[in-house]
N, C-alpha and C. Protein backbone atom coordinates (compact mmCIF):
# COMPACT_ATOMS: atom_id res chain seq x y z
N MET A 1 -3.33 0.08 -29.28
CA MET A 1 -2.57 -0.45 -28.16
C MET A 1 -1.30 0.40 -27.97
N LYS A 2 -1.04 0.68 -26.72
CA LYS A 2 0.09 1.43 -26.42
C LYS A 2 1.18 0.50 -25.96
N CYS A 3 2.43 0.85 -26.37
CA CYS A 3 3.56 -0.06 -26.03
C CYS A 3 4.83 0.82 -25.64
N LEU A 4 5.69 0.25 -24.71
CA LEU A 4 6.87 0.94 -24.49
C LEU A 4 7.96 -0.19 -24.18
N ALA A 5 9.32 -0.17 -24.74
CA ALA A 5 10.27 -1.04 -24.73
C ALA A 5 11.45 -0.50 -23.78
N PHE A 6 11.85 -1.46 -22.96
CA PHE A 6 13.02 -1.18 -22.18
C PHE A 6 14.10 -2.22 -22.24
N LYS A 7 15.37 -1.87 -21.95
CA LYS A 7 16.47 -2.97 -21.75
C LYS A 7 17.11 -2.63 -20.55
N THR A 8 17.25 -3.78 -19.82
CA THR A 8 18.01 -3.69 -18.43
C THR A 8 19.24 -4.61 -18.63
N LYS A 9 20.34 -4.07 -18.00
CA LYS A 9 21.51 -4.77 -18.06
C LYS A 9 21.99 -5.64 -16.86
N SER A 10 21.05 -5.70 -15.89
CA SER A 10 21.40 -6.33 -14.63
C SER A 10 20.12 -6.62 -13.76
N PRO A 11 20.14 -7.53 -12.84
CA PRO A 11 18.97 -7.69 -12.04
C PRO A 11 18.67 -6.35 -11.33
N ASP A 12 19.66 -5.62 -10.88
CA ASP A 12 19.50 -4.41 -10.13
C ASP A 12 18.71 -3.42 -10.96
N GLU A 13 19.10 -3.32 -12.37
CA GLU A 13 18.36 -2.45 -13.21
C GLU A 13 16.92 -2.78 -13.38
N THR A 14 16.77 -4.17 -13.43
CA THR A 14 15.32 -4.66 -13.46
C THR A 14 14.54 -4.29 -12.27
N VAL A 15 15.23 -4.33 -11.13
CA VAL A 15 14.49 -3.86 -9.96
C VAL A 15 14.14 -2.49 -9.93
N GLN A 16 15.19 -1.63 -10.42
CA GLN A 16 14.88 -0.24 -10.37
C GLN A 16 13.71 0.24 -11.39
N LEU A 17 13.69 -0.56 -12.57
CA LEU A 17 12.58 -0.28 -13.41
C LEU A 17 11.32 -0.74 -12.87
N GLY A 18 11.20 -1.78 -12.05
CA GLY A 18 10.06 -2.16 -11.33
C GLY A 18 9.64 -1.11 -10.26
N ARG A 19 10.63 -0.72 -9.61
CA ARG A 19 10.39 0.37 -8.48
C ARG A 19 9.79 1.50 -9.21
N LYS A 20 10.24 1.87 -10.40
CA LYS A 20 9.71 3.15 -11.00
C LYS A 20 8.20 2.90 -11.29
N LEU A 21 7.88 1.78 -11.88
CA LEU A 21 6.57 1.43 -12.15
C LEU A 21 5.61 1.34 -10.83
N GLY A 22 6.28 0.79 -9.77
CA GLY A 22 5.48 0.66 -8.47
C GLY A 22 5.18 1.84 -8.07
N ARG A 23 5.91 2.90 -8.18
CA ARG A 23 5.35 4.39 -7.72
C ARG A 23 4.15 4.89 -8.48
N LEU A 24 4.03 4.29 -9.77
CA LEU A 24 2.96 4.84 -10.57
C LEU A 24 1.59 4.01 -10.46
N LEU A 25 1.70 2.85 -9.89
CA LEU A 25 0.51 2.04 -9.76
C LEU A 25 -0.50 2.62 -8.78
N GLU A 26 -1.79 2.21 -8.96
CA GLU A 26 -2.71 2.63 -8.13
C GLU A 26 -3.71 1.37 -7.83
N VAL A 27 -4.48 1.46 -6.66
CA VAL A 27 -5.38 0.38 -6.44
C VAL A 27 -6.31 0.17 -7.63
N GLY A 28 -6.38 -1.14 -7.99
CA GLY A 28 -7.25 -1.58 -9.16
C GLY A 28 -6.26 -1.85 -10.29
N ASP A 29 -5.07 -1.45 -10.38
CA ASP A 29 -4.16 -1.85 -11.51
C ASP A 29 -3.73 -3.25 -11.30
N MET A 30 -3.37 -3.88 -12.60
CA MET A 30 -2.98 -5.22 -12.55
C MET A 30 -1.70 -5.13 -13.55
N VAL A 31 -0.76 -5.92 -13.12
CA VAL A 31 0.46 -6.18 -14.01
C VAL A 31 0.62 -7.65 -14.36
N ALA A 32 0.53 -7.99 -15.62
CA ALA A 32 0.54 -9.49 -16.02
C ALA A 32 1.95 -9.57 -16.64
N LEU A 33 2.80 -10.40 -15.84
CA LEU A 33 4.13 -10.69 -16.48
C LEU A 33 4.24 -12.01 -17.44
N ALA A 34 5.02 -11.85 -18.34
CA ALA A 34 5.16 -12.94 -19.21
C ALA A 34 6.67 -13.16 -19.55
N GLY A 35 7.12 -14.43 -19.67
CA GLY A 35 8.46 -14.75 -20.08
C GLY A 35 8.97 -16.03 -19.40
N SER A 36 10.02 -16.62 -19.91
CA SER A 36 10.53 -17.93 -19.45
C SER A 36 11.09 -17.87 -18.09
N LEU A 37 11.23 -19.01 -17.61
CA LEU A 37 11.83 -19.22 -16.18
C LEU A 37 13.24 -18.47 -16.21
N GLY A 38 13.39 -17.73 -15.11
CA GLY A 38 14.78 -17.01 -14.90
C GLY A 38 14.88 -15.78 -15.67
N CYS A 39 13.76 -15.24 -16.18
CA CYS A 39 14.03 -14.14 -17.00
C CYS A 39 13.93 -12.76 -16.25
N GLY A 40 13.52 -12.82 -14.95
CA GLY A 40 13.50 -11.60 -14.14
C GLY A 40 12.15 -11.13 -13.70
N LYS A 41 11.19 -12.04 -13.75
CA LYS A 41 9.85 -11.59 -13.24
C LYS A 41 9.77 -11.14 -11.79
N THR A 42 10.45 -12.19 -10.98
CA THR A 42 10.44 -11.91 -9.58
C THR A 42 11.28 -10.74 -9.21
N TRP A 43 12.39 -10.58 -9.85
CA TRP A 43 13.24 -9.32 -9.52
C TRP A 43 12.48 -8.08 -9.82
N PHE A 44 11.66 -8.07 -10.89
CA PHE A 44 10.85 -6.94 -11.42
C PHE A 44 9.86 -6.59 -10.25
N THR A 45 9.20 -7.86 -9.73
CA THR A 45 8.13 -7.70 -8.77
C THR A 45 8.69 -7.10 -7.42
N LYS A 46 9.95 -7.52 -7.08
CA LYS A 46 10.56 -6.90 -5.99
C LYS A 46 10.73 -5.38 -6.15
N GLY A 47 11.06 -4.81 -7.28
CA GLY A 47 11.02 -3.45 -7.51
C GLY A 47 9.71 -2.86 -7.32
N ILE A 48 8.71 -3.51 -7.94
CA ILE A 48 7.35 -2.93 -7.78
C ILE A 48 6.98 -2.72 -6.30
N ALA A 49 7.21 -3.75 -5.64
CA ALA A 49 6.91 -3.81 -4.14
C ALA A 49 7.55 -2.62 -3.59
N LEU A 50 8.94 -2.38 -3.79
CA LEU A 50 9.65 -1.29 -3.14
C LEU A 50 8.95 0.09 -3.62
N GLY A 51 8.73 0.14 -4.88
CA GLY A 51 8.13 1.40 -5.37
C GLY A 51 6.73 1.73 -4.71
N MET A 52 5.96 0.66 -4.26
CA MET A 52 4.80 0.81 -3.60
C MET A 52 4.89 1.13 -2.13
N GLY A 53 6.10 0.99 -1.60
CA GLY A 53 6.39 1.21 -0.27
C GLY A 53 6.38 0.13 0.71
N VAL A 54 6.49 -1.04 0.04
CA VAL A 54 6.75 -2.33 0.89
C VAL A 54 8.12 -2.13 1.50
N SER A 55 8.28 -2.42 2.67
CA SER A 55 9.61 -2.34 3.39
C SER A 55 10.68 -3.08 2.62
N SER A 56 11.86 -2.47 2.68
CA SER A 56 13.00 -3.13 2.00
C SER A 56 13.37 -4.31 2.95
N LYS A 57 13.01 -4.43 4.07
CA LYS A 57 13.20 -5.53 4.98
C LYS A 57 12.36 -6.75 4.63
N GLU A 58 11.25 -6.51 3.94
CA GLU A 58 10.30 -7.59 3.54
C GLU A 58 11.08 -8.38 2.51
N VAL A 59 11.01 -9.72 2.47
CA VAL A 59 11.64 -10.49 1.43
C VAL A 59 10.58 -10.85 0.45
N VAL A 60 10.57 -10.41 -0.81
CA VAL A 60 9.76 -10.72 -1.82
C VAL A 60 10.27 -11.79 -2.59
N THR A 61 9.51 -12.94 -2.57
CA THR A 61 9.92 -14.14 -3.21
C THR A 61 8.74 -14.67 -4.13
N SER A 62 9.00 -15.43 -5.18
CA SER A 62 8.13 -15.91 -6.04
C SER A 62 7.13 -16.94 -5.27
N PRO A 63 5.82 -16.72 -5.35
CA PRO A 63 4.88 -17.66 -4.60
C PRO A 63 4.58 -18.86 -5.52
N SER A 64 5.52 -19.54 -6.13
CA SER A 64 5.41 -20.65 -6.92
C SER A 64 4.47 -21.70 -6.27
N PHE A 65 4.73 -22.04 -5.03
CA PHE A 65 4.09 -23.04 -4.33
C PHE A 65 2.82 -22.60 -3.54
N ALA A 66 2.99 -21.47 -3.03
CA ALA A 66 1.86 -20.81 -2.29
C ALA A 66 0.74 -20.19 -3.20
N LEU A 67 1.21 -20.00 -4.42
CA LEU A 67 0.41 -19.30 -5.57
C LEU A 67 0.12 -17.86 -5.28
N MET A 68 0.06 -17.29 -4.12
CA MET A 68 -0.04 -15.95 -3.87
C MET A 68 0.68 -15.46 -2.58
N ASN A 69 1.50 -14.37 -2.66
CA ASN A 69 1.91 -13.73 -1.46
C ASN A 69 1.35 -12.40 -1.40
N GLU A 70 1.05 -11.98 -0.28
CA GLU A 70 0.56 -10.61 -0.02
C GLU A 70 1.39 -9.70 0.74
N TYR A 71 1.59 -8.58 0.22
CA TYR A 71 2.58 -7.54 1.04
C TYR A 71 1.78 -6.31 1.21
N GLU A 72 2.21 -5.55 2.27
CA GLU A 72 1.45 -4.37 2.65
C GLU A 72 2.47 -3.31 2.40
N GLY A 73 2.08 -2.21 1.58
CA GLY A 73 2.80 -1.04 1.37
C GLY A 73 1.76 0.12 1.48
N GLU A 74 1.90 1.05 0.57
CA GLU A 74 0.85 2.20 0.64
C GLU A 74 -0.42 1.65 0.31
N CYS A 75 -0.48 0.40 -0.47
CA CYS A 75 -1.67 -0.37 -0.57
C CYS A 75 -1.24 -1.87 -0.54
N ARG A 76 -2.24 -2.66 -0.65
CA ARG A 76 -1.82 -4.06 -0.76
C ARG A 76 -1.36 -4.59 -2.02
N LEU A 77 -0.35 -5.49 -2.07
CA LEU A 77 0.29 -6.06 -3.33
C LEU A 77 -0.10 -7.46 -3.34
N PHE A 78 -0.75 -8.01 -4.22
CA PHE A 78 -1.11 -9.42 -4.42
C PHE A 78 -0.09 -10.01 -5.48
N HIS A 79 0.82 -10.77 -5.06
CA HIS A 79 1.86 -11.33 -6.07
C HIS A 79 1.49 -12.59 -6.31
N MET A 80 1.07 -13.04 -7.52
CA MET A 80 0.61 -14.30 -7.84
C MET A 80 1.55 -14.98 -8.78
N ASP A 81 1.75 -16.32 -8.77
CA ASP A 81 2.54 -17.14 -9.70
C ASP A 81 1.67 -18.25 -10.05
N VAL A 82 1.23 -18.36 -11.29
CA VAL A 82 0.20 -19.37 -11.77
C VAL A 82 0.92 -20.40 -12.64
N TYR A 83 2.27 -20.48 -12.49
CA TYR A 83 3.13 -21.39 -13.38
C TYR A 83 2.62 -22.84 -13.16
N ARG A 84 2.20 -23.40 -12.05
CA ARG A 84 2.01 -24.72 -11.70
C ARG A 84 0.42 -25.03 -11.95
N LEU A 85 -0.33 -24.01 -12.32
CA LEU A 85 -1.78 -24.37 -12.62
C LEU A 85 -1.93 -24.68 -13.95
N GLU A 86 -2.54 -25.69 -14.28
CA GLU A 86 -2.74 -26.36 -15.63
C GLU A 86 -3.75 -25.60 -16.60
N THR A 87 -4.97 -25.27 -16.05
CA THR A 87 -6.05 -24.78 -16.87
C THR A 87 -6.61 -23.58 -16.11
N GLN A 88 -7.41 -22.91 -17.03
CA GLN A 88 -8.05 -21.70 -16.45
C GLN A 88 -9.00 -22.05 -15.35
N GLY A 89 -9.70 -23.34 -15.37
CA GLY A 89 -10.45 -23.88 -14.33
C GLY A 89 -9.68 -23.94 -13.13
N ASP A 90 -8.52 -24.42 -13.25
CA ASP A 90 -7.67 -24.67 -11.92
C ASP A 90 -7.31 -23.26 -11.33
N PHE A 91 -7.15 -22.17 -12.18
CA PHE A 91 -7.07 -20.94 -11.72
C PHE A 91 -8.21 -20.41 -10.91
N LEU A 92 -9.39 -20.58 -11.55
CA LEU A 92 -10.74 -20.00 -10.92
C LEU A 92 -11.09 -20.81 -9.76
N ASP A 93 -10.60 -22.11 -9.66
CA ASP A 93 -11.00 -22.94 -8.40
C ASP A 93 -10.23 -22.39 -7.24
N THR A 94 -9.10 -21.72 -7.45
CA THR A 94 -8.28 -21.26 -6.33
C THR A 94 -8.92 -20.01 -5.66
N GLY A 95 -9.79 -19.38 -6.45
CA GLY A 95 -10.40 -18.17 -5.95
C GLY A 95 -9.45 -16.90 -5.97
N LEU A 96 -8.30 -17.09 -6.63
CA LEU A 96 -7.36 -15.95 -6.73
C LEU A 96 -7.94 -14.82 -7.68
N ASP A 97 -8.86 -15.11 -8.58
CA ASP A 97 -9.52 -14.07 -9.31
C ASP A 97 -10.31 -13.12 -8.48
N GLU A 98 -10.63 -13.38 -7.29
CA GLU A 98 -11.31 -12.50 -6.30
C GLU A 98 -10.33 -11.38 -5.93
N CYS A 99 -9.08 -11.58 -6.15
CA CYS A 99 -8.21 -10.40 -5.87
C CYS A 99 -8.26 -9.27 -6.89
N PHE A 100 -8.81 -9.52 -8.16
CA PHE A 100 -8.98 -8.66 -9.07
C PHE A 100 -9.84 -7.58 -8.74
N ASP A 101 -10.86 -7.89 -7.77
CA ASP A 101 -11.75 -6.87 -7.35
C ASP A 101 -11.42 -6.36 -5.89
N ALA A 102 -10.36 -6.76 -5.48
CA ALA A 102 -9.89 -6.33 -4.10
C ALA A 102 -9.26 -5.03 -4.00
N SER A 103 -9.07 -4.45 -2.92
CA SER A 103 -8.52 -3.09 -2.85
C SER A 103 -7.06 -3.24 -2.73
N GLY A 104 -6.39 -3.31 -3.85
CA GLY A 104 -5.01 -3.52 -4.01
C GLY A 104 -4.48 -3.65 -5.42
N ILE A 105 -3.24 -3.95 -5.55
CA ILE A 105 -2.69 -4.10 -6.91
C ILE A 105 -2.25 -5.64 -7.09
N VAL A 106 -2.62 -6.11 -8.33
CA VAL A 106 -2.12 -7.50 -8.63
C VAL A 106 -0.92 -7.51 -9.58
N VAL A 107 -0.03 -8.30 -9.19
CA VAL A 107 1.15 -8.54 -10.13
C VAL A 107 1.02 -10.09 -10.21
N MET A 108 0.96 -10.58 -11.44
CA MET A 108 0.82 -12.02 -11.77
C MET A 108 1.93 -12.49 -12.69
N GLU A 109 2.70 -13.41 -12.17
CA GLU A 109 3.70 -14.10 -13.07
C GLU A 109 2.92 -15.17 -13.85
N TRP A 110 3.59 -15.34 -15.00
CA TRP A 110 2.81 -16.15 -16.09
C TRP A 110 1.40 -15.72 -16.25
N GLY A 111 1.29 -14.29 -16.40
CA GLY A 111 -0.08 -13.68 -16.65
C GLY A 111 -0.51 -13.75 -18.02
N ASP A 112 0.28 -14.37 -18.93
CA ASP A 112 -0.13 -14.56 -20.21
C ASP A 112 -0.79 -15.89 -20.60
N LYS A 113 -1.06 -16.62 -19.53
CA LYS A 113 -1.61 -18.10 -19.71
C LYS A 113 -3.08 -17.91 -20.16
N TRP A 114 -3.84 -17.00 -19.57
CA TRP A 114 -5.29 -16.88 -19.76
C TRP A 114 -5.76 -15.53 -19.83
N PRO A 115 -5.28 -14.72 -20.89
CA PRO A 115 -5.47 -13.35 -20.78
C PRO A 115 -7.06 -13.12 -20.84
N GLU A 116 -7.76 -13.95 -21.33
CA GLU A 116 -9.21 -13.62 -21.66
C GLU A 116 -9.96 -13.50 -20.20
N ILE A 117 -9.42 -13.94 -19.09
CA ILE A 117 -10.10 -13.93 -17.86
C ILE A 117 -9.49 -12.74 -17.05
N LEU A 118 -8.46 -12.15 -17.53
CA LEU A 118 -7.90 -11.02 -16.70
C LEU A 118 -8.66 -9.72 -16.90
N PRO A 119 -8.48 -8.87 -15.98
CA PRO A 119 -9.15 -7.53 -16.10
C PRO A 119 -8.58 -6.68 -17.40
N GLU A 120 -9.41 -5.88 -18.05
CA GLU A 120 -9.04 -5.16 -19.15
C GLU A 120 -8.02 -4.03 -18.59
N ARG A 121 -8.09 -3.61 -17.45
CA ARG A 121 -7.35 -2.66 -16.94
C ARG A 121 -5.99 -3.30 -16.32
N ARG A 122 -5.12 -3.65 -17.34
CA ARG A 122 -3.89 -4.43 -17.06
C ARG A 122 -2.77 -4.09 -17.93
N LEU A 123 -1.60 -3.84 -17.39
CA LEU A 123 -0.30 -3.68 -18.12
C LEU A 123 0.30 -5.08 -18.22
N THR A 124 0.58 -5.49 -19.46
CA THR A 124 1.37 -6.56 -19.74
C THR A 124 2.87 -6.38 -19.95
N VAL A 125 3.73 -7.00 -19.22
CA VAL A 125 5.09 -6.90 -19.33
C VAL A 125 5.62 -8.24 -19.93
N ALA A 126 6.22 -8.30 -21.15
CA ALA A 126 6.91 -9.32 -21.73
C ALA A 126 8.30 -9.35 -21.58
N PHE A 127 8.90 -10.29 -21.02
CA PHE A 127 10.47 -10.43 -20.84
C PHE A 127 11.10 -11.23 -21.78
N SER A 128 12.10 -10.78 -22.29
CA SER A 128 13.08 -11.59 -23.13
C SER A 128 14.56 -11.56 -22.66
N ILE A 129 15.04 -12.65 -22.63
CA ILE A 129 16.53 -12.73 -22.33
C ILE A 129 17.39 -12.41 -23.42
N VAL A 130 18.31 -11.41 -23.33
CA VAL A 130 19.08 -11.15 -24.46
C VAL A 130 20.48 -11.24 -24.18
N GLY A 131 20.87 -11.56 -23.08
CA GLY A 131 22.23 -11.86 -22.53
C GLY A 131 22.29 -12.43 -21.30
N GLU A 132 23.43 -12.66 -20.77
CA GLU A 132 23.47 -13.32 -19.38
C GLU A 132 22.71 -12.61 -18.37
N ALA A 133 22.74 -11.36 -18.29
CA ALA A 133 22.18 -10.51 -17.25
C ALA A 133 21.08 -9.47 -17.97
N SER A 134 21.19 -9.41 -19.28
CA SER A 134 20.47 -8.35 -19.97
C SER A 134 18.93 -8.96 -20.31
N ARG A 135 18.04 -7.94 -20.15
CA ARG A 135 16.66 -8.39 -20.56
C ARG A 135 16.01 -7.25 -21.31
N GLU A 136 15.17 -7.61 -22.19
CA GLU A 136 14.30 -6.63 -22.80
C GLU A 136 12.80 -6.82 -22.32
N LEU A 137 12.25 -5.77 -21.97
CA LEU A 137 10.87 -5.74 -21.31
C LEU A 137 10.00 -4.87 -22.29
N LEU A 138 9.01 -5.49 -22.77
CA LEU A 138 7.91 -4.82 -23.59
C LEU A 138 6.82 -4.80 -22.86
N MET A 139 6.39 -3.38 -22.57
CA MET A 139 5.19 -3.17 -21.82
C MET A 139 4.08 -2.72 -22.77
N THR A 140 2.80 -3.40 -22.62
CA THR A 140 1.74 -3.13 -23.50
C THR A 140 0.44 -3.14 -22.76
N GLY A 141 -0.67 -2.47 -23.44
CA GLY A 141 -1.93 -2.65 -22.87
C GLY A 141 -2.89 -1.71 -23.68
N GLU A 142 -4.09 -1.95 -23.48
CA GLU A 142 -5.09 -1.21 -24.32
C GLU A 142 -5.98 -0.23 -23.35
N HIS A 143 -6.03 -0.42 -22.13
CA HIS A 143 -6.84 0.34 -21.21
C HIS A 143 -6.21 1.74 -21.12
N GLN A 144 -7.04 2.79 -20.95
CA GLN A 144 -6.68 4.17 -20.83
C GLN A 144 -5.57 4.24 -19.63
N ARG A 145 -5.88 3.54 -18.65
CA ARG A 145 -4.98 3.62 -17.39
C ARG A 145 -3.55 3.09 -17.84
N VAL A 146 -3.37 2.13 -18.71
CA VAL A 146 -2.11 1.66 -19.12
C VAL A 146 -1.39 2.91 -19.84
N SER A 147 -2.11 3.52 -20.65
CA SER A 147 -1.55 4.78 -21.39
C SER A 147 -0.98 5.80 -20.34
N GLU A 148 -1.66 5.97 -19.13
CA GLU A 148 -1.27 6.94 -18.17
C GLU A 148 -0.03 6.36 -17.54
N ILE A 149 0.01 5.01 -17.27
CA ILE A 149 1.29 4.47 -16.54
C ILE A 149 2.44 4.58 -17.47
N LEU A 150 2.31 4.15 -18.64
CA LEU A 150 3.35 4.13 -19.78
C LEU A 150 3.84 5.63 -19.92
N LYS A 151 3.04 6.59 -19.89
CA LYS A 151 3.59 7.97 -19.95
C LYS A 151 4.40 8.32 -18.87
N GLY A 152 4.09 7.74 -17.69
CA GLY A 152 4.85 8.13 -16.64
C GLY A 152 6.25 7.35 -16.51
N LEU A 153 6.27 6.32 -17.45
CA LEU A 153 7.71 5.57 -17.55
C LEU A 153 8.47 6.11 -18.61
N GLU A 154 7.99 6.95 -19.46
CA GLU A 154 8.78 7.36 -20.64
C GLU A 154 10.03 7.96 -20.15
N PRO A 155 11.11 7.94 -21.02
CA PRO A 155 12.32 8.73 -20.63
C PRO A 155 11.98 10.23 -20.48
N GLY A 156 12.51 10.78 -19.29
CA GLY A 156 12.32 12.17 -19.05
C GLY A 156 11.06 12.56 -18.36
N ALA A 157 10.28 11.41 -17.99
CA ALA A 157 9.04 11.67 -17.34
C ALA A 157 9.27 11.88 -15.89
């Protein structure tokens, strides 16, 4: 398993790290975000969207109630938030899993709930709150594609 750790000191730094990741993502990639409420998952997703070429005028918000927002950039971004779903069955009943095979990139908040149903080709980003605005992000994955992504995020890359 490949892993890489980062520390951000502000929401803006979290957005900038997401933007760097967004520039590296390709159609078929999935990013599963894990962490408590208010830890920066949506800020990070805003950065991913910017890195993918989604207009800075587009308002990227957490789809807590809609379950998924779709954005158009260099390719489609499917931004999911499964916090309110109780079970794996609830998730499958929504049909959101069909996006895993769609022509786009999936970012799923609370993506650690049911890892067994997620694609193997996924980068998991675990957020930890380490201060009022500081966050630690641990990025991990086993797929070869994740190794390529993490190599592009290494300092000096």
